[in-house]
Protein backbone atom coordinates (compact mmCIF):
# COMPACT_ATOMS: atom_id res chain seq x y z
CA MET A 1 -79.63 125.68 -87.05
CA LYS A 2 -82.47 122.96 -86.32
CA ASP A 3 -80.05 120.53 -85.11
CA ARG A 4 -79.08 123.47 -82.35
CA HIS A 5 -82.37 122.46 -80.50
CA LYS A 6 -82.82 119.91 -77.72
CA GLN A 7 -83.60 116.36 -78.70
CA ILE A 8 -86.66 115.31 -76.97
CA LEU A 9 -88.03 111.98 -77.97
CA SER A 10 -91.54 112.60 -77.07
CA ASP A 11 -91.49 115.75 -79.21
CA SER A 12 -90.18 114.19 -82.20
CA LEU A 13 -93.10 111.67 -81.98
CA LEU A 14 -95.32 114.71 -81.62
CA LEU A 15 -94.07 115.90 -84.80
CA LYS A 16 -94.55 112.84 -86.68
CA SER A 17 -97.84 112.00 -85.46
CA ILE A 18 -98.84 115.81 -86.70
CA HIS A 19 -97.47 114.97 -90.29
CA ASP A 20 -98.99 111.76 -90.35
CA ARG A 21 -102.31 112.79 -89.30
CA VAL A 22 -102.26 115.72 -91.89
CA GLU A 23 -101.19 113.43 -94.73
CA GLN A 24 -104.22 111.22 -93.77
CA GLU A 25 -106.75 114.00 -93.21
CA LEU A 26 -106.02 117.19 -95.41
CA THR A 27 -107.22 116.88 -98.76
CA ILE A 28 -105.66 119.28 -101.47
CA ASP A 29 -107.56 119.66 -104.62
CA PRO A 30 -104.84 121.21 -106.91
CA VAL A 31 -107.42 122.66 -109.36
CA LYS A 32 -109.69 124.26 -106.67
CA THR A 33 -106.29 125.51 -104.95
CA SER A 34 -105.52 127.19 -108.24
CA GLN A 35 -108.69 128.73 -108.91
CA LEU A 36 -108.70 130.35 -105.19
CA ILE A 37 -105.07 131.68 -105.55
CA THR A 38 -106.12 133.37 -108.99
CA LEU A 39 -109.35 134.94 -107.37
CA LYS A 40 -107.53 136.18 -104.58
CA PHE A 41 -104.92 137.83 -106.61
CA VAL A 42 -107.25 139.09 -109.19
CA PHE A 43 -109.18 140.48 -105.91
CA TYR A 44 -106.19 142.10 -104.41
CA LEU A 45 -104.79 143.35 -107.71
CA CYS A 46 -107.76 145.18 -108.67
CA ILE A 47 -108.29 146.93 -105.36
CA SER A 48 -104.41 148.19 -105.47
CA VAL A 49 -104.88 149.36 -109.04
CA ILE A 50 -108.03 151.17 -108.61
CA CYS A 51 -106.38 152.90 -105.23
CA TYR A 52 -103.18 153.89 -107.13
CA SER A 53 -104.97 155.34 -110.16
CA GLY A 54 -107.15 157.36 -107.72
CA ILE A 55 -103.89 159.03 -106.66
CA PHE A 56 -103.69 160.48 -110.09
CA MET A 57 -107.60 161.31 -110.59
CA ILE A 58 -108.63 162.62 -107.37
CA GLN A 59 -108.37 166.75 -107.07
CA GLN A 60 -109.06 167.56 -103.54
CA PRO A 61 -106.10 167.27 -101.41
CA ILE A 62 -108.11 165.39 -98.52
CA LEU A 63 -109.29 162.78 -100.59
CA PHE A 64 -106.08 162.57 -102.43
CA ILE A 65 -104.32 162.02 -98.85
CA GLY A 66 -106.95 159.37 -98.20
CA CYS A 67 -106.60 157.48 -101.25
CA PHE A 68 -102.78 157.44 -100.76
CA ILE A 69 -103.82 155.64 -97.21
CA LEU A 70 -105.93 153.29 -99.00
CA TYR A 71 -103.32 152.25 -101.61
CA GLY A 72 -101.18 151.78 -98.53
CA PHE A 73 -103.34 149.41 -97.02
CA SER A 74 -104.50 147.33 -100.08
CA SER A 75 -100.76 146.97 -101.35
CA MET A 76 -99.86 145.59 -97.91
CA LEU A 77 -102.68 143.24 -97.99
CA PHE A 78 -101.79 142.18 -101.40
CA ALA A 79 -98.03 141.50 -100.04
CA PHE A 80 -99.64 139.60 -97.21
CA ASN A 81 -101.40 137.10 -99.16
CA PHE A 82 -98.71 136.65 -102.04
CA ALA A 83 -95.29 137.48 -101.18
CA HIS A 84 -95.04 135.64 -97.98
CA ASP A 85 -96.32 132.24 -100.10
CA PHE A 86 -93.87 133.42 -102.87
CA SER A 87 -90.94 133.54 -100.58
CA HIS A 88 -91.71 129.88 -99.36
CA ASN A 89 -92.39 128.60 -103.21
CA THR A 90 -95.58 127.53 -102.31
CA VAL A 91 -97.59 129.40 -105.39
CA PHE A 92 -95.79 128.06 -108.23
CA LYS A 93 -93.45 124.81 -108.68
CA ASN A 94 -90.82 126.79 -110.38
CA LYS A 95 -88.73 128.59 -107.54
CA ARG A 96 -87.33 131.30 -109.94
CA ALA A 97 -91.00 132.15 -110.77
CA ASN A 98 -91.79 132.50 -107.01
CA ASN A 99 -88.72 134.43 -106.40
CA PHE A 100 -89.33 136.85 -109.23
CA CYS A 101 -92.95 137.70 -108.28
CA TYR A 102 -91.77 137.78 -104.46
CA THR A 103 -89.02 140.51 -105.43
CA VAL A 104 -91.58 142.54 -107.48
CA LEU A 105 -94.22 142.69 -104.77
CA TYR A 106 -91.43 143.60 -102.06
CA THR A 107 -90.11 146.31 -104.45
CA LEU A 108 -93.72 147.60 -104.57
CA MET A 109 -93.68 147.59 -100.72
CA GLY A 110 -90.52 149.54 -100.81
CA ALA A 111 -88.29 146.63 -98.81
CA HIS A 112 -85.31 144.93 -100.11
CA ALA A 113 -86.57 141.79 -100.94
CA LYS A 114 -83.56 139.45 -100.73
CA ALA A 115 -82.52 140.80 -97.25
CA TRP A 116 -86.03 139.89 -95.58
CA LYS A 117 -86.04 136.75 -97.20
CA GLN A 118 -82.83 135.24 -96.11
CA ARG A 119 -83.56 136.26 -92.51
CA HIS A 120 -87.10 135.22 -92.66
CA ILE A 121 -86.19 131.60 -94.09
CA GLN A 122 -82.73 131.04 -92.39
CA SER A 123 -83.09 132.64 -88.89
CA HIS A 124 -86.70 133.36 -87.90
CA HIS A 125 -88.41 129.99 -89.25
CA PHE A 126 -85.61 127.94 -87.52
CA ALA A 127 -85.82 129.46 -84.17
CA PRO A 128 -88.82 132.10 -83.46
CA ASN A 129 -88.45 133.96 -80.23
CA VAL A 130 -84.69 132.91 -79.61
CA GLU A 131 -82.85 135.82 -78.92
CA GLU A 132 -79.47 134.53 -80.20
CA TYR A 133 -81.14 133.24 -83.44
CA ASP A 134 -84.02 134.94 -84.36
CA SER A 135 -83.10 138.22 -86.16
CA ASP A 136 -86.74 139.56 -85.81
CA LEU A 137 -85.94 140.29 -82.41
CA LYS A 138 -83.15 142.91 -83.56
CA ILE A 139 -85.52 145.39 -84.67
CA SER A 140 -85.13 148.11 -81.92
CA LYS A 141 -84.31 148.77 -78.37
CA LEU A 142 -87.30 150.97 -78.09
CA ILE A 143 -89.23 148.06 -77.40
CA ARG A 144 -88.53 144.94 -74.68
CA VAL A 145 -90.33 141.78 -75.09
CA ILE A 146 -87.68 139.28 -74.35
CA PRO A 147 -87.66 138.11 -70.37
CA ASN A 148 -84.28 138.90 -68.84
CA SER A 149 -82.82 141.10 -71.74
CA LYS A 150 -81.23 144.23 -71.22
CA TYR A 151 -83.53 146.79 -69.46
CA TYR A 152 -83.26 150.92 -70.37
CA TRP A 153 -85.10 153.53 -68.21
CA TRP A 154 -87.58 154.30 -71.36
CA HIS A 155 -89.00 150.78 -71.21
CA LYS A 156 -91.04 151.75 -68.10
CA PHE A 157 -93.16 153.76 -70.62
CA GLN A 158 -93.06 151.42 -73.31
CA HIS A 159 -96.77 150.12 -73.64
CA ILE A 160 -97.55 154.14 -73.41
CA TYR A 161 -95.49 154.89 -76.35
CA ALA A 162 -95.64 151.66 -78.61
CA THR A 163 -98.45 152.76 -80.53
CA LEU A 164 -97.02 155.76 -81.51
CA ALA A 165 -93.63 154.28 -82.18
CA TYR A 166 -95.25 151.71 -84.54
CA THR A 167 -96.58 154.42 -86.68
CA THR A 168 -92.86 154.77 -87.91
CA TYR A 169 -91.99 151.18 -88.60
CA SER A 170 -92.33 151.04 -92.32
CA LEU A 171 -90.36 154.05 -92.74
CA PHE A 172 -87.79 153.04 -90.79
CA TRP A 173 -87.75 149.74 -92.36
CA VAL A 174 -87.79 151.21 -96.06
CA PHE A 175 -85.32 154.05 -95.46
CA ILE A 176 -83.18 153.03 -92.59
CA LYS A 177 -83.11 149.41 -91.52
CA ASP A 178 -82.47 148.08 -95.14
CA VAL A 179 -79.53 150.47 -95.79
CA VAL A 180 -78.16 149.39 -92.42
CA ILE A 181 -78.41 145.77 -93.25
CA LEU A 182 -76.71 146.58 -96.57
CA PHE A 183 -73.68 148.12 -95.26
CA SER A 184 -73.28 145.47 -92.18
CA HIS A 185 -71.77 142.15 -91.79
CA ASP A 186 -74.06 139.52 -90.92
CA ASN A 187 -74.38 135.91 -90.94
CA TYR A 188 -77.53 135.82 -93.61
CA THR A 189 -75.87 136.97 -96.84
CA THR A 190 -72.82 134.95 -98.11
CA LYS A 191 -71.89 137.76 -100.31
CA LYS A 192 -73.09 141.27 -100.86
CA ASN A 193 -71.44 141.67 -104.58
CA PHE A 194 -72.14 144.54 -107.26
CA TYR A 195 -75.16 142.68 -108.24
CA TYR A 196 -76.34 142.68 -104.49
CA HIS A 197 -76.02 146.40 -104.37
CA LEU A 198 -77.49 146.99 -107.74
CA THR A 199 -80.80 145.16 -107.19
CA PHE A 200 -81.02 147.00 -103.89
CA TRP A 201 -80.90 150.62 -105.22
CA PHE A 202 -83.01 149.65 -108.20
CA GLN A 203 -85.57 148.27 -106.02
CA LYS A 204 -85.42 151.55 -103.92
CA LEU A 205 -85.26 153.86 -106.84
CA VAL A 206 -88.79 151.92 -108.20
CA TYR A 207 -90.41 152.33 -105.01
CA ILE A 208 -89.52 156.11 -104.89
CA GLY A 209 -90.41 156.61 -108.42
CA TYR A 210 -93.71 155.14 -108.65
CA LEU A 211 -95.24 156.30 -105.18
CA PHE A 212 -93.41 159.69 -105.07
CA ILE A 213 -91.91 161.01 -108.10
CA LEU A 214 -94.76 159.86 -110.56
CA PRO A 215 -97.54 161.22 -108.39
CA PHE A 216 -95.93 164.37 -107.77
CA GLU A 217 -95.39 164.83 -111.90
CA PHE A 218 -98.63 163.36 -113.11
CA SER A 219 -101.32 164.13 -110.29
CA ASN A 220 -102.97 167.27 -109.60
CA GLN A 221 -101.39 167.87 -105.99
CA THR A 222 -98.33 170.29 -104.92
CA TRP A 223 -95.15 168.24 -103.74
CA SER A 224 -96.35 169.13 -100.20
CA VAL A 225 -99.50 167.28 -100.47
CA VAL A 226 -97.92 164.29 -102.18
CA LEU A 227 -95.22 164.36 -99.51
CA ILE A 228 -98.18 164.15 -96.82
CA GLY A 229 -99.99 161.59 -98.45
CA PHE A 230 -96.77 159.50 -98.85
CA ILE A 231 -96.00 159.71 -95.02
CA ALA A 232 -99.63 159.39 -94.00
CA MET A 233 -99.91 156.24 -96.10
CA HIS A 234 -96.73 154.98 -94.20
CA LEU A 235 -97.87 156.05 -90.60
CA CYS A 236 -101.26 154.25 -91.04
CA GLN A 237 -99.96 150.95 -92.70
CA SER A 238 -97.16 150.88 -90.17
CA VAL A 239 -99.44 150.44 -87.16
CA PHE A 240 -101.52 147.59 -88.83
CA LEU A 241 -98.29 146.00 -90.25
CA LEU A 242 -96.29 145.97 -86.89
CA PHE A 243 -99.36 144.88 -84.80
CA THR A 244 -99.98 142.12 -86.98
CA PHE A 245 -96.32 140.91 -87.03
CA PHE A 246 -95.97 141.27 -83.17
CA ILE A 247 -99.11 139.81 -81.98
CA THR A 248 -98.10 136.53 -84.05
CA HIS A 249 -95.19 135.94 -81.63
CA HIS A 250 -95.40 138.44 -78.75
CA VAL A 251 -98.41 138.15 -76.62
CA GLU A 252 -98.81 136.95 -72.94
CA GLY A 253 -98.54 133.24 -73.09
CA THR A 254 -95.87 132.97 -76.05
CA GLU A 255 -92.45 131.42 -74.65
CA TYR A 256 -88.88 132.79 -75.35
CA PRO A 257 -86.63 129.53 -75.17
CA THR A 258 -83.17 130.43 -74.09
CA THR A 259 -79.89 128.65 -74.94
CA ASN A 260 -76.96 127.32 -72.93
CA ASN A 261 -73.29 128.29 -72.84
CA GLU A 262 -72.61 126.45 -76.12
CA GLY A 263 -75.56 127.99 -78.03
CA GLU A 264 -77.95 124.78 -77.72
CA ILE A 265 -81.61 125.88 -77.38
CA ASN A 266 -83.19 124.34 -74.31
CA THR A 267 -86.39 123.17 -76.08
CA SER A 268 -87.22 121.01 -79.16
CA TRP A 269 -87.95 122.43 -82.63
CA VAL A 270 -91.55 121.46 -82.57
CA MET A 271 -92.17 123.02 -79.25
CA ASN A 272 -90.47 126.17 -80.16
CA GLN A 273 -92.46 126.53 -83.38
CA ILE A 274 -95.86 125.78 -81.25
CA LYS A 275 -95.15 127.67 -78.04
CA SER A 276 -93.60 130.73 -79.43
CA SER A 277 -96.52 131.49 -82.05
CA ASN A 278 -99.94 132.91 -81.71
CA ASP A 279 -102.85 132.30 -83.85
CA LEU A 280 -105.60 134.75 -84.81
CA ASN A 281 -108.93 133.13 -85.30
CA PRO A 282 -107.26 130.09 -86.71
CA PHE A 283 -110.29 128.64 -88.05
CA SER A 284 -111.90 131.54 -89.84
CA LYS A 285 -111.67 131.53 -93.60
CA THR A 286 -112.28 135.08 -93.93
CA ALA A 287 -109.57 136.11 -91.37
CA ASN A 288 -107.11 133.86 -93.26
CA PHE A 289 -108.43 135.66 -96.69
CA ILE A 290 -107.72 138.99 -95.39
CA PHE A 291 -104.32 138.15 -93.69
CA GLY A 292 -103.10 135.60 -96.14
CA GLY A 293 -102.23 133.13 -93.50
CA PHE A 294 -100.25 135.18 -91.08
CA ASN A 295 -103.20 134.70 -88.59
CA ASN A 296 -102.23 130.96 -88.85
CA HIS A 297 -98.71 131.08 -87.82
CA ILE A 298 -98.53 127.68 -85.85
CA ALA A 299 -99.65 126.04 -89.18
CA HIS A 300 -97.29 128.18 -90.98
CA HIS A 301 -94.27 127.41 -88.88
CA LEU A 302 -94.79 123.66 -89.21
CA PHE A 303 -95.76 123.51 -92.49
CA PRO A 304 -93.97 126.39 -94.38
CA ASN A 305 -94.32 124.37 -97.81
CA VAL A 306 -98.18 124.51 -97.93
CA HIS A 307 -99.94 127.42 -99.23
CA HIS A 308 -102.13 129.48 -96.77
CA VAL A 309 -105.40 128.80 -98.26
CA HIS A 310 -105.39 125.43 -96.76
CA TYR A 311 -104.57 126.69 -93.28
CA PRO A 312 -108.06 126.69 -91.62
CA GLU A 313 -108.35 122.91 -92.40
CA LEU A 314 -104.87 122.24 -91.66
CA ASN A 315 -105.43 123.89 -88.24
CA LYS A 316 -108.48 121.59 -87.45
CA VAL A 317 -105.97 118.64 -87.67
CA VAL A 318 -103.11 120.26 -85.87
CA TYR A 319 -105.24 121.55 -82.96
CA ARG A 320 -106.93 118.02 -82.72
CA VAL A 321 -103.36 116.21 -82.45
CA LEU A 322 -102.09 119.07 -79.81
CA ASN A 323 -105.15 118.84 -77.90
CA GLU A 324 -105.16 114.97 -77.65
CA ASN A 325 -101.70 115.56 -76.21
CA GLY A 326 -102.61 118.12 -73.81
CA ILE A 327 -101.12 120.94 -75.62
CA GLN A 328 -103.12 124.28 -75.88
CA PRO A 329 -101.88 126.52 -78.74
CA ASN A 330 -101.94 130.12 -77.92
CA GLU A 331 -104.80 131.69 -79.53
CA THR A 332 -106.64 135.09 -79.89
CA SER A 333 -108.75 137.42 -81.74
CA TYR A 334 -107.14 140.22 -83.80
CA PHE A 335 -107.98 143.04 -81.52
CA GLY A 336 -107.64 140.44 -78.38
CA GLY A 337 -103.86 139.90 -79.60
CA ILE A 338 -103.26 143.83 -79.57
CA VAL A 339 -104.54 143.96 -76.38
CA SER A 340 -102.50 141.00 -75.07
CA HIS A 341 -99.57 142.42 -76.72
CA LEU A 342 -99.82 145.76 -74.92
CA ARG A 343 -100.31 143.88 -71.56
CA LEU A 344 -96.88 142.07 -72.30
CA LEU A 345 -95.36 145.20 -72.81
CA LYS A 346 -96.62 146.20 -69.67
CA LYS A 347 -95.50 143.32 -67.51
CA MET A 348 -91.91 143.92 -69.53
CA SER A 349 -91.58 147.62 -68.45
CA SER A 350 -90.20 146.63 -65.17
CA VAL A 351 -86.76 145.06 -64.92
CA GLU A 352 -87.95 141.73 -63.52
CA ASN A 353 -91.28 140.08 -63.94
CA PRO A 354 -91.51 136.37 -62.64
CA GLN A 355 -94.70 136.07 -64.26
CA LEU A 356 -93.28 135.87 -67.91
CA THR A 357 -92.32 132.70 -69.49
CA THR A 358 -89.00 131.44 -70.62
CA THR A 359 -88.15 127.72 -71.44
């Protein structure tokens, strides 16, 4: 898909310059990197285990539901910090080890690991924000972010109902989206054979078993309280999850490259990655520790083979080269990104808006 982008000599030279400067200026200490990854793993694992254990120990229903919600956040941050890097094979040298750990973490989140990975690597990373190629743009017709895309009457109110709609996303992903993908024909899965179906249903059963059946059987709560805790967890984690996903690509200033009649993308690959992404506090080690590199989206799209613990230092080099070439990356704070995303939805709530950017 990379050869579908427009070939621009100056952009090719820019990409080469970025890689050359990063190779010269970024120093990676394998021992220190391994220590930091191990520390993060122990930190997020301990928090997740403590929160999950609390589900079986807490007596009061309200505290039980609160513990369920905390587990949802801790497990999601665990996945942010490790599943994404596992999917790009940046933790272990062995690809099988990376894929196994990635599958385990995605199973614990209730999502079908293989379906997401194939779309993320083959589609989103090659052409972010390009309607014909980026599968992430096909989530729902409820939200309109692409300029000149099909308009429905309810989009007039999308900036109002968006946050409420986002609360349902993880439930939708786990119980509807994955099932639809399983039984749909697509361009990302070569063969959905018996093993593919077996792993799909096994992962779903493990998720339902450990996060609903076990709490129902071994906690001190009724099935209705367990169900409320399970749903409340999804509602709360969904808002954080979807806002985090959306503000990395869908805020004011991010671009949506178009294609010609032959399906060729009207921008270069490197500018597609840079101009379609948004960074959140890109030089903050604290933000990087929390979001697992999702906040450094430009660096991740340009260097998906580099582990996220290096992104703050990597960004210093990337931003320096971009600024030297007169390119201003998209950058917001986390909450500033939420505001900017909602403003984008407001702008896209009318049929036409000339202020929005396409290339």
